[in-house]
């Protein structure tokens, strides 16, 4: 595998996806000492302990793997739905909650009738699919694996952060300048009256078509902002190795990474992590695919 500076990109014509070869390596996963200090100064120690103390810095190594260059699009998810008749958790009101959780007047609200088909804001077919649960992502992958000769999966949490960083050690892969965020991501910005926003205008109030913004050094787009992304790893508040493995359990919370179109600076960082149970879905959450290197 080529581990030089030029990313290796492979197009898979059968499912209209591009994958980037991510080289094996070791890195410091989690927040830096400087990040911790900045977060404590912004939100206070008590809130830091509640929200961000689970980002402990530690050394992690990952094998080489392939990562989708883009988040899964509405077109790609629709192919699955059309082929199988699948109904998402939002459409089935799974878990006793109706529809999808959407943002209305700065408050997240469960809204009946909202789903990947209509997440409460306009999208084109090139936008990332949202309002999809971990269960939905897993069902899509099971179908795709039956249609192709590859074994797709979600990335592990450790793989996700490693790929999202693109070899950088700063909180975001574009560096320390918050004014550059809008060149790289759809985020909470000054263009749409977000509070505590990035000091720029990315031109999109919600999601943007995948690949709209500049990529990181691994040629991956939208690993920060646009849509949160499910990983295959279960959540452990104190990193215990779960970040390096996939779990198939639908009974435990899974890690979601990357921030989204409504993400404020403190939540749009490579180290930032949240978790949800597998049936949860909201208008800022999607996924991207990964798979192992061929033997």
Foldseek 3Di string as FASTA:
>chain_A
DDPDQDWDWDADVVLGWIKTKDAWDKDWWFADPVLLVVVCVVPNDVVCVVFPPLRDTDMDTDHIWIWTQWAAFQVSLVVVCVVPVDDALQRVVPPVAHHAFEADPNDTDGDHPAAQVHQPDDDDRLAHRFQHFLVSVVVSQVVVVVVDVFRKFFAFLVVLLSVQCLPPNAQHNVHDQLQCVLQAEQEFEVVPPAPLARDYDNPDQFADRIPPHAAGSSSHGQLAARAKAWGQFFDDSHDDPSSRDGDPDQAGKTKIDHYYNHHHPSQHGSSGIDIDRRRHTHSRHGHIMMGGDDD
